[in-house]
Amino acid sequence: MIYKVLYQKDKIVNPRRETTQTLYMEADNVVQARALVEQNTPYNIELIQELTGNSLKYEQEHADFKLTAFGQTDSED
């Protein structure tokens, strides 16, 4: 499954909407997605959203859509 992760760069600074960033990743479930991000980054996770159907298609067409693979190079879809 593909997940959209909204995050802040670090956990020290107070979150602000203007500094929220996004990454896209593959994982078996939302728990695994959260664990991978927490183990591999210092990010403050705000939201993890599963993308399917029209939502996934929209993100692929309208966003800077690149899958993040921790421990591997990024790949475009």
N, C-alpha and C. Protein backbone atom coordinates (compact mmCIF):
# COMPACT_ATOMS: atom_id res chain seq x y z
N MET A 1 0.83 -1.18 0.00
CA MET A 1 0.00 0.00 0.00
C MET A 1 0.88 1.25 0.00
N ILE A 2 0.36 2.30 -0.55
CA ILE A 2 1.06 3.58 -0.60
C ILE A 2 0.50 4.49 0.50
N TYR A 3 1.41 5.14 1.23
CA TYR A 3 1.01 6.04 2.30
C TYR A 3 1.59 7.43 2.06
N LYS A 4 0.81 8.44 2.42
CA LYS A 4 1.24 9.83 2.40
C LYS A 4 1.50 10.22 3.85
N VAL A 5 2.73 10.66 4.13
CA VAL A 5 3.12 11.02 5.49
C VAL A 5 3.34 12.53 5.55
N LEU A 6 2.59 13.21 6.39
CA LEU A 6 2.76 14.64 6.63
C LEU A 6 3.59 14.78 7.90
N TYR A 7 4.64 15.61 7.82
CA TYR A 7 5.57 15.69 8.94
C TYR A 7 6.22 17.06 9.04
N GLN A 8 6.82 17.30 10.21
CA GLN A 8 7.69 18.44 10.46
C GLN A 8 9.11 17.89 10.48
N LYS A 9 10.09 18.71 10.10
CA LYS A 9 11.48 18.25 9.99
C LYS A 9 12.08 17.73 11.30
N ASP A 10 11.67 18.29 12.44
CA ASP A 10 12.20 17.79 13.70
C ASP A 10 11.15 17.91 14.80
N LYS A 11 11.44 17.30 15.93
CA LYS A 11 10.49 17.26 17.04
C LYS A 11 10.68 18.39 18.04
N ILE A 12 11.72 19.21 17.84
CA ILE A 12 12.05 20.26 18.80
C ILE A 12 11.23 21.52 18.55
N VAL A 13 11.10 21.93 17.30
CA VAL A 13 10.39 23.16 16.94
C VAL A 13 8.88 22.90 16.94
N ASN A 14 8.12 23.87 17.44
CA ASN A 14 6.67 23.73 17.42
C ASN A 14 6.16 23.59 16.00
N PRO A 15 5.24 22.66 15.75
CA PRO A 15 4.70 22.46 14.40
C PRO A 15 3.94 23.69 13.92
N ARG A 16 4.12 24.00 12.63
CA ARG A 16 3.36 25.06 11.96
C ARG A 16 2.90 24.53 10.63
N ARG A 17 1.70 24.85 10.25
CA ARG A 17 1.14 24.39 8.99
C ARG A 17 2.05 24.76 7.82
N GLU A 18 2.65 25.92 7.87
CA GLU A 18 3.48 26.42 6.77
C GLU A 18 4.74 25.58 6.55
N THR A 19 5.17 24.87 7.57
CA THR A 19 6.40 24.09 7.44
C THR A 19 6.14 22.59 7.32
N THR A 20 4.89 22.20 7.20
CA THR A 20 4.56 20.79 7.02
C THR A 20 5.08 20.31 5.67
N GLN A 21 5.72 19.14 5.68
CA GLN A 21 6.24 18.55 4.46
C GLN A 21 5.60 17.18 4.24
N THR A 22 5.80 16.62 3.05
CA THR A 22 5.15 15.38 2.67
C THR A 22 6.15 14.40 2.10
N LEU A 23 5.98 13.13 2.44
CA LEU A 23 6.69 12.07 1.74
C LEU A 23 5.70 10.96 1.45
N TYR A 24 6.01 10.17 0.45
CA TYR A 24 5.18 9.04 0.04
C TYR A 24 6.00 7.78 0.20
N MET A 25 5.38 6.72 0.69
CA MET A 25 6.12 5.48 0.91
C MET A 25 5.22 4.27 0.78
N GLU A 26 5.85 3.13 0.56
CA GLU A 26 5.14 1.86 0.53
C GLU A 26 5.35 1.16 1.86
N ALA A 27 4.29 0.54 2.37
CA ALA A 27 4.36 -0.25 3.60
C ALA A 27 3.18 -1.20 3.61
N ASP A 28 3.27 -2.24 4.45
CA ASP A 28 2.18 -3.21 4.54
C ASP A 28 0.96 -2.64 5.26
N ASN A 29 1.21 -1.73 6.22
CA ASN A 29 0.11 -1.13 6.97
C ASN A 29 0.59 0.18 7.59
N VAL A 30 -0.33 0.92 8.20
CA VAL A 30 0.00 2.23 8.76
C VAL A 30 0.97 2.11 9.93
N VAL A 31 0.90 1.03 10.69
CA VAL A 31 1.81 0.83 11.82
C VAL A 31 3.24 0.66 11.31
N GLN A 32 3.42 -0.13 10.26
CA GLN A 32 4.75 -0.31 9.68
C GLN A 32 5.26 0.99 9.08
N ALA A 33 4.39 1.75 8.43
CA ALA A 33 4.78 3.03 7.85
C ALA A 33 5.31 3.97 8.93
N ARG A 34 4.58 4.08 10.03
CA ARG A 34 5.01 4.94 11.14
C ARG A 34 6.34 4.45 11.72
N ALA A 35 6.48 3.16 11.91
CA ALA A 35 7.71 2.60 12.47
C ALA A 35 8.91 2.90 11.57
N LEU A 36 8.76 2.75 10.26
CA LEU A 36 9.85 3.01 9.33
C LEU A 36 10.29 4.47 9.37
N VAL A 37 9.33 5.38 9.40
CA VAL A 37 9.67 6.81 9.45
C VAL A 37 10.34 7.14 10.77
N GLU A 38 9.81 6.64 11.88
CA GLU A 38 10.38 6.94 13.19
C GLU A 38 11.78 6.36 13.36
N GLN A 39 12.04 5.18 12.79
CA GLN A 39 13.35 4.54 12.92
C GLN A 39 14.42 5.20 12.05
N ASN A 40 14.00 5.82 10.94
CA ASN A 40 14.95 6.32 9.96
C ASN A 40 15.06 7.83 9.86
N THR A 41 14.26 8.57 10.62
CA THR A 41 14.29 10.03 10.54
C THR A 41 14.05 10.65 11.92
N PRO A 42 14.36 11.93 12.06
CA PRO A 42 14.03 12.65 13.29
C PRO A 42 12.68 13.38 13.17
N TYR A 43 11.89 13.05 12.16
CA TYR A 43 10.66 13.78 11.84
C TYR A 43 9.60 13.66 12.92
N ASN A 44 8.81 14.72 13.04
CA ASN A 44 7.63 14.75 13.89
C ASN A 44 6.44 14.46 12.98
N ILE A 45 5.91 13.27 13.05
CA ILE A 45 4.84 12.84 12.16
C ILE A 45 3.52 13.47 12.60
N GLU A 46 2.84 14.12 11.66
CA GLU A 46 1.54 14.73 11.94
C GLU A 46 0.40 13.81 11.54
N LEU A 47 0.51 13.18 10.37
CA LEU A 47 -0.57 12.36 9.83
C LEU A 47 -0.01 11.35 8.85
N ILE A 48 -0.57 10.14 8.88
CA ILE A 48 -0.25 9.14 7.87
C ILE A 48 -1.57 8.73 7.25
N GLN A 49 -1.64 8.87 5.92
CA GLN A 49 -2.88 8.61 5.20
C GLN A 49 -2.64 7.57 4.11
N GLU A 50 -3.46 6.52 4.08
CA GLU A 50 -3.37 5.52 3.02
C GLU A 50 -3.96 6.12 1.74
N LEU A 51 -3.24 5.96 0.63
CA LEU A 51 -3.72 6.46 -0.65
C LEU A 51 -4.17 5.29 -1.52
N THR A 52 -5.41 5.36 -1.98
CA THR A 52 -5.95 4.35 -2.88
C THR A 52 -6.82 5.03 -3.92
N GLY A 53 -7.10 4.33 -4.98
CA GLY A 53 -8.04 4.79 -5.99
C GLY A 53 -7.77 6.19 -6.50
N ASN A 54 -8.81 7.03 -6.49
CA ASN A 54 -8.72 8.39 -7.02
C ASN A 54 -7.74 9.26 -6.23
N SER A 55 -7.63 9.04 -4.93
CA SER A 55 -6.69 9.81 -4.12
C SER A 55 -5.26 9.56 -4.56
N LEU A 56 -4.93 8.30 -4.79
CA LEU A 56 -3.58 7.95 -5.25
C LEU A 56 -3.32 8.51 -6.64
N LYS A 57 -4.29 8.38 -7.51
CA LYS A 57 -4.15 8.89 -8.87
C LYS A 57 -3.93 10.41 -8.86
N TYR A 58 -4.69 11.13 -8.04
CA TYR A 58 -4.55 12.58 -7.93
C TYR A 58 -3.14 12.96 -7.47
N GLU A 59 -2.66 12.31 -6.40
CA GLU A 59 -1.32 12.62 -5.87
C GLU A 59 -0.25 12.34 -6.91
N GLN A 60 -0.39 11.26 -7.66
CA GLN A 60 0.60 10.92 -8.69
C GLN A 60 0.63 11.95 -9.80
N GLU A 61 -0.51 12.55 -10.11
CA GLU A 61 -0.60 13.50 -11.21
C GLU A 61 -0.33 14.95 -10.79
N HIS A 62 -0.62 15.31 -9.53
CA HIS A 62 -0.58 16.71 -9.14
C HIS A 62 0.46 17.07 -8.09
N ALA A 63 1.13 16.14 -7.54
CA ALA A 63 2.12 16.44 -6.49
C ALA A 63 3.51 16.03 -6.99
N ASP A 64 4.51 16.41 -6.23
CA ASP A 64 5.86 15.96 -6.51
C ASP A 64 5.97 14.54 -5.96
N PHE A 65 5.39 13.59 -6.69
CA PHE A 65 5.22 12.23 -6.21
C PHE A 65 6.47 11.40 -6.44
N LYS A 66 7.18 11.08 -5.35
CA LYS A 66 8.33 10.20 -5.37
C LYS A 66 8.21 9.28 -4.16
N LEU A 67 8.33 8.00 -4.38
CA LEU A 67 8.28 7.07 -3.26
C LEU A 67 9.61 7.09 -2.51
N THR A 68 9.52 7.19 -1.20
CA THR A 68 10.70 7.13 -0.35
C THR A 68 10.88 5.70 0.11
N ALA A 69 12.05 5.16 -0.11
CA ALA A 69 12.37 3.80 0.35
C ALA A 69 13.55 3.92 1.30
N PHE A 70 13.34 3.71 2.57
CA PHE A 70 14.41 3.85 3.54
C PHE A 70 15.43 2.74 3.35
N GLY A 71 16.71 3.16 3.29
CA GLY A 71 17.78 2.22 3.07
C GLY A 71 18.06 1.93 1.62
N GLN A 72 17.25 2.54 0.73
CA GLN A 72 17.42 2.37 -0.71
C GLN A 72 17.31 3.75 -1.33
N THR A 73 17.56 3.85 -2.63
CA THR A 73 17.40 5.11 -3.33
C THR A 73 15.94 5.36 -3.61
N ASP A 74 15.56 6.64 -3.72
CA ASP A 74 14.18 7.01 -4.03
C ASP A 74 13.87 6.61 -5.45
N SER A 75 12.60 6.26 -5.70
CA SER A 75 12.18 5.92 -7.06
C SER A 75 10.91 6.66 -7.39
N GLU A 76 10.77 7.04 -8.63
CA GLU A 76 9.56 7.73 -9.06
C GLU A 76 8.55 6.71 -9.51
N ASP A 77 7.29 7.03 -9.38
CA ASP A 77 6.22 6.16 -9.84
C ASP A 77 5.40 6.88 -10.88
